[in-house]
Amino acid sequence: MNLSMRDAQFLVLQPSMHSFFFFSKWLIKV
């Protein structure tokens, strides 16, 4: 159960970090 929760957190966090990184690059471009 604990592993499952950590796995879910990682899956949710990963795309969030990616979109934040992309947004940062876009801000620097503009």
C-alpha atoms as a PDB file:
ATOM      1  CA  MET A   1       0.000   0.000   0.000  1.00  0.00           C
ATOM      2  CA  ASN A   2       2.765   2.405   0.917  1.00  0.00           C
ATOM      3  CA  LEU A   3       4.630   1.615  -2.309  1.00  0.00           C
ATOM      4  CA  SER A   4       1.435   2.165  -4.283  1.00  0.00           C
ATOM      5  CA  MET A   5       0.918   5.582  -2.735  1.00  0.00           C
ATOM      6  CA  ARG A   6       4.500   6.594  -3.453  1.00  0.00           C
ATOM      7  CA  ASP A   7       4.139   5.347  -7.032  1.00  0.00           C
ATOM      8  CA  ALA A   8       0.981   7.402  -7.529  1.00  0.00           C
ATOM      9  CA  GLN A   9       2.636  10.485  -6.054  1.00  0.00           C
ATOM     10  CA  PHE A  10       5.590  10.060  -8.436  1.00  0.00           C
ATOM     11  CA  LEU A  11       3.279   9.680 -11.443  1.00  0.00           C
ATOM     12  CA  VAL A  12       1.374  12.822 -10.483  1.00  0.00           C
ATOM     13  CA  LEU A  13       4.500  14.815  -9.659  1.00  0.00           C
ATOM     14  CA  GLN A  14       6.438  13.892 -12.820  1.00  0.00           C
ATOM     15  CA  PRO A  15       4.125  15.549 -15.409  1.00  0.00           C
ATOM     16  CA  SER A  16       3.705  18.530 -13.087  1.00  0.00           C
ATOM     17  CA  MET A  17       7.459  19.129 -13.009  1.00  0.00           C
ATOM     18  CA  HIS A  18       7.692  18.668 -16.784  1.00  0.00           C
ATOM     19  CA  SER A  19       4.973  21.236 -17.506  1.00  0.00           C
ATOM     20  CA  PHE A  20       6.561  23.656 -15.022  1.00  0.00           C
ATOM     21  CA  PHE A  21       9.929  23.266 -16.771  1.00  0.00           C
ATOM     22  CA  PHE A  22       8.294  23.830 -20.163  1.00  0.00           C
ATOM     23  CA  PHE A  23       6.486  26.906 -18.839  1.00  0.00           C
ATOM     24  CA  SER A  24       9.775  28.282 -17.479  1.00  0.00           C
ATOM     25  CA  LYS A  25      11.460  27.830 -20.867  1.00  0.00           C
ATOM     26  CA  TRP A  26       8.526  29.584 -22.543  1.00  0.00           C
ATOM     27  CA  LEU A  27       8.751  32.487 -20.081  1.00  0.00           C
ATOM     28  CA  ILE A  28      12.466  32.873 -20.802  1.00  0.00           C
ATOM     29  CA  LYS A  29      11.775  32.788 -24.546  1.00  0.00           C
ATOM     30  CA  VAL A  30       9.244  35.614 -24.206  1.00  0.00           C
END
